[in-house]
Structure formats: C-alpha cells, structure tokens
Amino acid sequence: MTQAETGHVTGTKDKDYNLIWYIEACLDNALRLETYIADAEREGDTEIVELFRKAQSDSRKGAEMGKQLLRSRLSA
C-alpha cells in the first residue's frame, strides 16, 4: 500500500505544490490557446476566436492570482 506524497519526497507540502502546479497549468493553457486562436483566425471563425480569447484571459487572470498568493506566502 502506498501513501500519498505529503512533502516527504519533494520537500514541498501538497497544498504548496498544488498551487505551483495550478500556476503552471494556467500559464501553459494561455500559451496553448494562442495557437488555437491563430488556427481559428486563419479559418475566419470569430466566434471561436472570441471564446478562446476569453479563456486565455481567464487563464492569465488565474495565473496572476496564483502568483500573488504564492508571492505572499513565500515572503511570510
């Protein structure tokens, strides 16, 4: 039976690791959506472009919120 990682192996508590992962996932999503936006623009599909731009904006916002929280916790 294996136990869940709680920071003993990585040296990073699960909640902190999860926050770092969340920031990375948001940033990765923003980058990936740039490709999807270009694909939709190339096809002239403004409806999908708008959807992906909104999603990209939300991903950037999530990353910024996560970075602010991480920054405040690291400086404490």
Protein backbone atom coordinates (compact mmCIF):
# COMPACT_ATOMS: atom_id res chain seq x y z
CA MET A 1 0.00 0.00 0.00
CA THR A 2 1.41 3.40 -0.99
CA GLN A 3 0.82 6.60 0.89
CA ALA A 4 0.06 9.94 -0.72
CA GLU A 5 3.00 12.30 -1.05
CA THR A 6 2.81 14.92 1.68
CA GLY A 7 6.11 16.67 1.09
CA HIS A 8 8.43 13.99 2.42
CA VAL A 9 9.77 13.11 -1.04
CA THR A 10 9.61 16.51 -2.75
CA GLY A 11 10.18 18.73 0.27
CA THR A 12 7.09 20.70 -0.73
CA LYS A 13 3.74 20.35 1.04
CA ASP A 14 0.86 19.16 -1.15
CA LYS A 15 -1.03 22.46 -0.88
CA ASP A 16 2.05 24.44 -1.94
CA TYR A 17 2.88 22.01 -4.73
CA ASN A 18 -0.74 22.19 -5.92
CA LEU A 19 -0.57 25.99 -6.03
CA ILE A 20 2.64 25.87 -8.06
CA TRP A 21 1.06 23.28 -10.39
CA TYR A 22 -2.06 25.46 -10.79
CA ILE A 23 0.01 28.49 -11.83
CA GLU A 24 1.96 26.40 -14.34
CA ALA A 25 -1.24 24.91 -15.76
CA CYS A 26 -2.81 28.36 -16.20
CA LEU A 27 0.28 29.69 -17.97
CA ASP A 28 0.53 26.59 -20.17
CA ASN A 29 -3.13 26.95 -21.07
CA ALA A 30 -2.66 30.63 -22.02
CA LEU A 31 0.20 29.64 -24.34
CA ARG A 32 -1.72 26.74 -25.89
CA LEU A 33 -4.73 28.95 -26.52
CA GLU A 34 -2.53 31.32 -28.54
CA THR A 35 -2.14 28.50 -31.10
CA TYR A 36 -5.86 27.76 -31.04
CA ILE A 37 -6.67 31.44 -31.57
CA ALA A 38 -4.35 31.59 -34.57
CA ASP A 39 -6.00 28.46 -36.03
CA ALA A 40 -9.47 29.96 -35.63
CA GLU A 41 -8.36 33.31 -37.06
CA ARG A 42 -6.88 31.55 -40.06
CA GLU A 43 -10.28 29.92 -40.66
CA GLY A 44 -12.11 33.22 -40.11
CA ASP A 45 -14.16 31.85 -37.19
CA THR A 46 -14.59 34.92 -35.00
CA GLU A 47 -16.95 33.14 -32.60
CA ILE A 48 -14.28 30.61 -31.63
CA VAL A 49 -11.62 33.34 -31.55
CA GLU A 50 -13.71 35.25 -29.00
CA LEU A 51 -14.24 32.13 -26.90
CA PHE A 52 -10.54 31.27 -26.87
CA ARG A 53 -9.51 34.86 -26.14
CA LYS A 54 -11.86 34.90 -23.12
CA ALA A 55 -10.47 31.56 -21.95
CA GLN A 56 -6.92 32.87 -22.43
CA SER A 57 -7.74 35.97 -20.41
CA ASP A 58 -9.23 33.82 -17.65
CA SER A 59 -6.11 31.63 -17.63
CA ARG A 60 -3.86 34.69 -17.32
CA LYS A 61 -6.05 36.00 -14.50
CA GLY A 62 -5.85 32.65 -12.69
CA ALA A 63 -2.07 32.59 -13.07
CA GLU A 64 -1.76 36.13 -11.72
CA MET A 65 -3.97 35.33 -8.73
CA GLY A 66 -1.93 32.22 -8.02
CA LYS A 67 1.37 34.10 -8.36
CA GLN A 68 0.19 36.79 -5.94
CA LEU A 69 -0.81 34.17 -3.39
CA LEU A 70 2.46 32.28 -3.80
CA ARG A 71 4.46 35.51 -3.55
CA SER A 72 2.72 36.48 -0.30
CA ARG A 73 3.32 33.04 1.19
CA LEU A 74 6.99 32.97 0.18
CA SER A 75 7.64 36.38 1.73
CA ALA A 76 5.97 35.41 5.03
